Amino acid sequence: MTVNFNRRGEQGALMNSLYMFANASIQGTANLVRNPWAP
């Protein structure tokens, strides 16, 4: 049995792009909190 990961539906692409931007934002904020003097 295999799983078709391409079956995301209509909102799949939107959710994927939102996840990527949210992840980048969270990582940037975490880095700033860890080291606020870094450029």
N, C-alpha and C. Protein backbone atom coordinates (compact mmCIF):
# COMPACT_ATOMS: atom_id res chain seq x y z
N MET A 1 0.84 -1.18 0.00
CA MET A 1 0.00 0.00 0.00
C MET A 1 0.89 1.24 0.00
N THR A 2 0.56 2.19 -0.87
CA THR A 2 1.31 3.44 -0.93
C THR A 2 0.38 4.60 -0.65
N VAL A 3 0.97 5.72 -0.26
CA VAL A 3 0.19 6.92 0.04
C VAL A 3 0.51 7.97 -1.01
N ASN A 4 -0.52 8.57 -1.58
CA ASN A 4 -0.34 9.62 -2.58
C ASN A 4 -0.27 10.97 -1.86
N PHE A 5 0.95 11.49 -1.71
CA PHE A 5 1.12 12.75 -1.00
C PHE A 5 0.75 13.95 -1.87
N ASN A 6 0.49 13.75 -3.15
CA ASN A 6 0.11 14.84 -4.03
C ASN A 6 -1.36 15.21 -3.90
N ARG A 7 -2.13 14.46 -3.16
CA ARG A 7 -3.55 14.74 -2.97
C ARG A 7 -3.71 15.69 -1.79
N ARG A 8 -3.52 16.97 -2.05
CA ARG A 8 -3.59 17.96 -0.99
C ARG A 8 -4.91 18.70 -0.98
N GLY A 9 -5.64 18.64 -2.06
CA GLY A 9 -6.87 19.40 -2.14
C GLY A 9 -6.61 20.82 -2.59
N GLU A 10 -7.67 21.62 -2.56
CA GLU A 10 -7.57 23.00 -3.05
C GLU A 10 -6.71 23.87 -2.14
N GLN A 11 -6.74 23.64 -0.86
CA GLN A 11 -6.04 24.49 0.09
C GLN A 11 -4.63 24.01 0.39
N GLY A 12 -4.19 22.93 -0.21
CA GLY A 12 -2.88 22.36 0.10
C GLY A 12 -1.73 23.29 -0.21
N ALA A 13 -1.74 23.91 -1.39
CA ALA A 13 -0.64 24.80 -1.77
C ALA A 13 -0.61 26.03 -0.86
N LEU A 14 -1.78 26.57 -0.54
CA LEU A 14 -1.85 27.73 0.35
C LEU A 14 -1.31 27.39 1.73
N MET A 15 -1.72 26.27 2.27
CA MET A 15 -1.25 25.87 3.59
C MET A 15 0.26 25.62 3.59
N ASN A 16 0.78 25.06 2.51
CA ASN A 16 2.21 24.80 2.42
C ASN A 16 2.99 26.11 2.42
N SER A 17 2.55 27.10 1.65
CA SER A 17 3.27 28.37 1.62
C SER A 17 3.15 29.11 2.94
N LEU A 18 1.99 29.07 3.57
CA LEU A 18 1.83 29.72 4.87
C LEU A 18 2.72 29.07 5.91
N TYR A 19 2.83 27.75 5.87
CA TYR A 19 3.68 27.04 6.82
C TYR A 19 5.14 27.46 6.66
N MET A 20 5.59 27.56 5.41
CA MET A 20 7.00 27.92 5.18
C MET A 20 7.29 29.32 5.69
N PHE A 21 6.41 30.29 5.42
CA PHE A 21 6.65 31.66 5.89
C PHE A 21 6.51 31.75 7.40
N ALA A 22 5.58 31.01 7.99
CA ALA A 22 5.43 31.03 9.45
C ALA A 22 6.66 30.42 10.11
N ASN A 23 7.18 29.35 9.55
CA ASN A 23 8.37 28.71 10.11
C ASN A 23 9.56 29.66 10.05
N ALA A 24 9.75 30.36 8.94
CA ALA A 24 10.86 31.30 8.83
C ALA A 24 10.71 32.43 9.84
N SER A 25 9.51 32.90 10.03
CA SER A 25 9.27 33.98 10.98
C SER A 25 9.55 33.54 12.41
N ILE A 26 9.12 32.35 12.75
CA ILE A 26 9.35 31.82 14.09
C ILE A 26 10.84 31.62 14.33
N GLN A 27 11.55 31.08 13.35
CA GLN A 27 12.98 30.85 13.51
C GLN A 27 13.74 32.17 13.65
N GLY A 28 13.35 33.18 12.88
CA GLY A 28 14.00 34.49 12.98
C GLY A 28 13.79 35.12 14.34
N THR A 29 12.57 35.03 14.85
CA THR A 29 12.27 35.57 16.17
C THR A 29 13.03 34.82 17.25
N ALA A 30 13.11 33.51 17.13
CA ALA A 30 13.84 32.72 18.12
C ALA A 30 15.32 33.08 18.12
N ASN A 31 15.90 33.30 16.95
CA ASN A 31 17.30 33.70 16.88
C ASN A 31 17.52 35.07 17.50
N LEU A 32 16.59 35.99 17.29
CA LEU A 32 16.71 37.32 17.86
C LEU A 32 16.63 37.27 19.38
N VAL A 33 15.76 36.43 19.91
CA VAL A 33 15.62 36.30 21.36
C VAL A 33 16.88 35.65 21.95
N ARG A 34 17.43 34.67 21.24
CA ARG A 34 18.63 33.99 21.71
C ARG A 34 19.84 34.91 21.73
N ASN A 35 19.98 35.74 20.70
CA ASN A 35 21.15 36.61 20.58
C ASN A 35 20.71 37.96 19.99
N PRO A 36 20.26 38.88 20.82
CA PRO A 36 19.73 40.15 20.30
C PRO A 36 20.79 41.07 19.70
N TRP A 37 22.07 40.80 19.92
CA TRP A 37 23.13 41.66 19.39
C TRP A 37 23.62 41.22 18.02
N ALA A 38 23.13 40.11 17.53
CA ALA A 38 23.55 39.63 16.21
C ALA A 38 22.89 40.48 15.13
N PRO A 39 23.58 40.72 14.03
CA PRO A 39 22.99 41.53 12.95
C PRO A 39 21.87 40.81 12.24
